[in-house]
Amino acid sequence: MVAALAFLMTPIGALVTMLLITFFQFRLILGEEAFLAGQIGQPYQDYLRAVPRLIPRLRTTLPPSTAKPQWIRAFLTELTPIGVFIAIAVVSWRFDHMLMVRTILVVFGVSLVARAIMPKAAKPTSPQPGSPE
């Protein structure tokens, strides 16, 4: 989304913004990883080794899952960033600030309604204390 906003900035402003946000993101990622490694321990370390940090792999090292993909739920969950991207890409050419704000607010409202009517995901059951696994 930042890359889309960079098209609305001057070239120097876009470059500085992209560099600062990239720096901030790396600091945030490293801080979160250190915190989670301290909280969770070895399972998180195993996760870090199995999953790439930023750039996805073409082939996974994880075993295949038996869970069925829920593409509609995934799309509805990501409705806000998708809608904001489309709003910026389609409406920004008019340079109408209020139209852009209204479009983003409508997208946000639609995503809230979609999340409200979306059925809840089934939570995995965990073994009861004292029962054999």
C-alpha atoms as a PDB file:
ATOM      1  CA  MET A   1       0.000   0.000   0.000  1.00  0.00           C
ATOM      2  CA  VAL A   2       2.931   2.306   0.691  1.00  0.00           C
ATOM      3  CA  ALA A   3       4.161   1.745  -2.853  1.00  0.00           C
ATOM      4  CA  ALA A   4       0.758   2.857  -4.164  1.00  0.00           C
ATOM      5  CA  LEU A   5       0.884   5.976  -1.979  1.00  0.00           C
ATOM      6  CA  ALA A   6       4.390   6.708  -3.244  1.00  0.00           C
ATOM      7  CA  PHE A   7       2.895   7.448  -6.667  1.00  0.00           C
ATOM      8  CA  LEU A   8       1.088  10.408  -5.097  1.00  0.00           C
ATOM      9  CA  MET A   9       4.305  11.897  -3.632  1.00  0.00           C
ATOM     10  CA  THR A  10       7.242  13.758  -5.058  1.00  0.00           C
ATOM     11  CA  PRO A  11      10.121  11.432  -6.056  1.00  0.00           C
ATOM     12  CA  ILE A  12      12.336  12.472  -3.113  1.00  0.00           C
ATOM     13  CA  GLY A  13       9.432  12.204  -0.663  1.00  0.00           C
ATOM     14  CA  ALA A  14       8.539   8.768  -1.988  1.00  0.00           C
ATOM     15  CA  LEU A  15      12.150   7.566  -1.699  1.00  0.00           C
ATOM     16  CA  VAL A  16      12.562   8.867   1.848  1.00  0.00           C
ATOM     17  CA  THR A  17       9.192   7.425   2.886  1.00  0.00           C
ATOM     18  CA  MET A  18       9.965   4.007   1.410  1.00  0.00           C
ATOM     19  CA  LEU A  19      13.401   3.903   3.084  1.00  0.00           C
ATOM     20  CA  LEU A  20      12.050   4.964   6.484  1.00  0.00           C
ATOM     21  CA  ILE A  21       9.173   2.513   6.376  1.00  0.00           C
ATOM     22  CA  THR A  22      11.495  -0.308   5.299  1.00  0.00           C
ATOM     23  CA  PHE A  23      13.846   0.492   8.186  1.00  0.00           C
ATOM     24  CA  PHE A  24      10.911   0.651  10.623  1.00  0.00           C
ATOM     25  CA  GLN A  25       9.506  -2.660   9.369  1.00  0.00           C
ATOM     26  CA  PHE A  26      12.829  -4.471   9.817  1.00  0.00           C
ATOM     27  CA  ARG A  27      13.184  -3.119  13.356  1.00  0.00           C
ATOM     28  CA  LEU A  28       9.611  -4.161  14.108  1.00  0.00           C
ATOM     29  CA  ILE A  29      10.139  -7.662  12.696  1.00  0.00           C
ATOM     30  CA  LEU A  30      13.357  -8.204  14.642  1.00  0.00           C
ATOM     31  CA  GLY A  31      11.787  -6.898  17.854  1.00  0.00           C
ATOM     32  CA  GLU A  32       8.727  -9.124  17.490  1.00  0.00           C
ATOM     33  CA  GLU A  33      10.856 -12.168  16.727  1.00  0.00           C
ATOM     34  CA  ALA A  34      12.997 -11.589  19.830  1.00  0.00           C
ATOM     35  CA  PHE A  35       9.902 -11.114  22.000  1.00  0.00           C
ATOM     36  CA  LEU A  36       8.147 -14.208  20.662  1.00  0.00           C
ATOM     37  CA  ALA A  37      11.307 -16.311  20.944  1.00  0.00           C
ATOM     38  CA  GLY A  38      11.508 -15.314  24.602  1.00  0.00           C
ATOM     39  CA  GLN A  39       7.827 -16.027  25.237  1.00  0.00           C
ATOM     40  CA  ILE A  40       7.358 -19.237  23.256  1.00  0.00           C
ATOM     41  CA  GLY A  41      10.864 -20.663  23.109  1.00  0.00           C
ATOM     42  CA  GLN A  42      11.871 -23.653  21.000  1.00  0.00           C
ATOM     43  CA  PRO A  43       8.581 -24.084  19.049  1.00  0.00           C
ATOM     44  CA  TYR A  44       8.967 -20.526  17.776  1.00  0.00           C
ATOM     45  CA  GLN A  45      12.599 -21.147  16.857  1.00  0.00           C
ATOM     46  CA  ASP A  46      11.460 -24.169  14.832  1.00  0.00           C
ATOM     47  CA  TYR A  47       8.820 -21.988  13.157  1.00  0.00           C
ATOM     48  CA  LEU A  48      11.443 -19.375  12.243  1.00  0.00           C
ATOM     49  CA  ARG A  49      13.581 -22.035  10.588  1.00  0.00           C
ATOM     50  CA  ALA A  50      10.614 -23.480   8.654  1.00  0.00           C
ATOM     51  CA  VAL A  51       9.042 -20.228   7.394  1.00  0.00           C
ATOM     52  CA  PRO A  52      10.829 -17.476   5.415  1.00  0.00           C
ATOM     53  CA  ARG A  53      10.846 -14.019   6.956  1.00  0.00           C
ATOM     54  CA  LEU A  54       9.829 -11.795   4.029  1.00  0.00           C
ATOM     55  CA  ILE A  55      10.107 -13.439   0.629  1.00  0.00           C
ATOM     56  CA  PRO A  56       8.012 -16.594   0.197  1.00  0.00           C
ATOM     57  CA  ARG A  57       9.650 -19.759  -1.044  1.00  0.00           C
ATOM     58  CA  LEU A  58       8.462 -21.393  -4.242  1.00  0.00           C
ATOM     59  CA  ARG A  59       8.611 -24.790  -2.562  1.00  0.00           C
ATOM     60  CA  THR A  60       7.697 -25.329   1.053  1.00  0.00           C
ATOM     61  CA  THR A  61       9.534 -27.387   3.607  1.00  0.00           C
ATOM     62  CA  LEU A  62       6.402 -27.833   5.708  1.00  0.00           C
ATOM     63  CA  PRO A  63       4.389 -31.056   5.566  1.00  0.00           C
ATOM     64  CA  PRO A  64       1.096 -30.793   3.629  1.00  0.00           C
ATOM     65  CA  SER A  65      -1.964 -29.900   5.650  1.00  0.00           C
ATOM     66  CA  THR A  66      -5.175 -31.872   5.672  1.00  0.00           C
ATOM     67  CA  ALA A  67      -7.213 -28.694   6.226  1.00  0.00           C
ATOM     68  CA  LYS A  68      -9.325 -27.466   3.325  1.00  0.00           C
ATOM     69  CA  PRO A  69      -8.431 -23.938   2.116  1.00  0.00           C
ATOM     70  CA  GLN A  70     -11.055 -21.301   2.884  1.00  0.00           C
ATOM     71  CA  TRP A  71     -10.520 -18.854   0.026  1.00  0.00           C
ATOM     72  CA  ILE A  72     -13.746 -16.883   0.516  1.00  0.00           C
ATOM     73  CA  ARG A  73     -12.965 -16.327   4.199  1.00  0.00           C
ATOM     74  CA  ALA A  74      -9.414 -15.296   3.298  1.00  0.00           C
ATOM     75  CA  PHE A  75     -10.675 -12.801   0.700  1.00  0.00           C
ATOM     76  CA  LEU A  76     -13.247 -11.318   3.089  1.00  0.00           C
ATOM     77  CA  THR A  77     -10.619 -11.014   5.810  1.00  0.00           C
ATOM     78  CA  GLU A  78      -8.346  -9.033   3.476  1.00  0.00           C
ATOM     79  CA  LEU A  79     -11.152  -6.854   2.110  1.00  0.00           C
ATOM     80  CA  THR A  80      -9.906  -3.623   3.708  1.00  0.00           C
ATOM     81  CA  PRO A  81      -6.363  -3.572   2.229  1.00  0.00           C
ATOM     82  CA  ILE A  82      -7.617  -4.868  -1.126  1.00  0.00           C
ATOM     83  CA  GLY A  83     -10.327  -2.209  -1.223  1.00  0.00           C
ATOM     84  CA  VAL A  84      -7.974   0.599  -0.177  1.00  0.00           C
ATOM     85  CA  PHE A  85      -5.501  -0.432  -2.873  1.00  0.00           C
ATOM     86  CA  ILE A  86      -8.247  -0.467  -5.505  1.00  0.00           C
ATOM     87  CA  ALA A  87      -9.579   2.886  -4.248  1.00  0.00           C
ATOM     88  CA  ILE A  88      -6.143   4.484  -4.483  1.00  0.00           C
ATOM     89  CA  ALA A  89      -5.401   2.918  -7.859  1.00  0.00           C
ATOM     90  CA  VAL A  90      -8.761   3.823  -9.413  1.00  0.00           C
ATOM     91  CA  VAL A  91      -9.861   7.042  -7.706  1.00  0.00           C
ATOM     92  CA  SER A  92      -6.535   8.823  -7.187  1.00  0.00           C
ATOM     93  CA  TRP A  93      -6.239   9.885 -10.810  1.00  0.00           C
ATOM     94  CA  ARG A  94      -8.997  12.445 -10.175  1.00  0.00           C
ATOM     95  CA  PHE A  95      -6.989  14.127  -7.370  1.00  0.00           C
ATOM     96  CA  ASP A  96     -10.210  14.568  -5.408  1.00  0.00           C
ATOM     97  CA  HIS A  97      -9.261  14.261  -1.743  1.00  0.00           C
ATOM     98  CA  MET A  98     -12.821  13.974  -0.424  1.00  0.00           C
ATOM     99  CA  LEU A  99     -13.745  11.316  -2.986  1.00  0.00           C
ATOM    100  CA  MET A 100     -10.692   9.301  -1.917  1.00  0.00           C
ATOM    101  CA  VAL A 101     -11.593   9.600   1.780  1.00  0.00           C
ATOM    102  CA  ARG A 102     -15.210   8.625   1.109  1.00  0.00           C
ATOM    103  CA  THR A 103     -14.151   5.639  -0.985  1.00  0.00           C
ATOM    104  CA  ILE A 104     -11.775   4.378   1.711  1.00  0.00           C
ATOM    105  CA  LEU A 105     -14.461   4.846   4.394  1.00  0.00           C
ATOM    106  CA  VAL A 106     -16.978   2.912   2.287  1.00  0.00           C
ATOM    107  CA  VAL A 107     -14.445   0.102   1.783  1.00  0.00           C
ATOM    108  CA  PHE A 108     -13.763   0.023   5.523  1.00  0.00           C
ATOM    109  CA  GLY A 109     -17.497  -0.091   6.281  1.00  0.00           C
ATOM    110  CA  VAL A 110     -18.061  -2.907   3.785  1.00  0.00           C
ATOM    111  CA  SER A 111     -15.207  -4.891   5.348  1.00  0.00           C
ATOM    112  CA  LEU A 112     -16.721  -4.433   8.820  1.00  0.00           C
ATOM    113  CA  VAL A 113     -20.101  -5.676   7.589  1.00  0.00           C
ATOM    114  CA  ALA A 114     -18.432  -8.622   5.835  1.00  0.00           C
ATOM    115  CA  ARG A 115     -16.602  -9.569   9.039  1.00  0.00           C
ATOM    116  CA  ALA A 116     -19.786  -9.237  11.079  1.00  0.00           C
ATOM    117  CA  ILE A 117     -21.750 -11.648   8.893  1.00  0.00           C
ATOM    118  CA  MET A 118     -18.839 -14.034   8.291  1.00  0.00           C
ATOM    119  CA  PRO A 119     -19.337 -17.296  10.200  1.00  0.00           C
ATOM    120  CA  LYS A 120     -16.853 -17.911  12.976  1.00  0.00           C
ATOM    121  CA  ALA A 121     -13.967 -20.255  12.213  1.00  0.00           C
ATOM    122  CA  ALA A 122     -13.949 -23.558  14.052  1.00  0.00           C
ATOM    123  CA  LYS A 123     -11.281 -23.532  16.726  1.00  0.00           C
ATOM    124  CA  PRO A 124      -9.063 -26.600  16.982  1.00  0.00           C
ATOM    125  CA  THR A 125      -9.814 -28.661  20.039  1.00  0.00           C
ATOM    126  CA  SER A 126      -7.004 -29.170  22.479  1.00  0.00           C
ATOM    127  CA  PRO A 127      -6.668 -32.261  24.668  1.00  0.00           C
ATOM    128  CA  GLN A 128      -8.257 -32.001  28.097  1.00  0.00           C
ATOM    129  CA  PRO A 129      -5.896 -32.024  31.080  1.00  0.00           C
ATOM    130  CA  GLY A 130      -5.340 -35.559  32.315  1.00  0.00           C
ATOM    131  CA  SER A 131      -6.558 -37.235  29.101  1.00  0.00           C
ATOM    132  CA  PRO A 132      -4.185 -39.293  26.925  1.00  0.00           C
ATOM    133  CA  GLU A 133      -3.105 -37.580  23.704  1.00  0.00           C
END
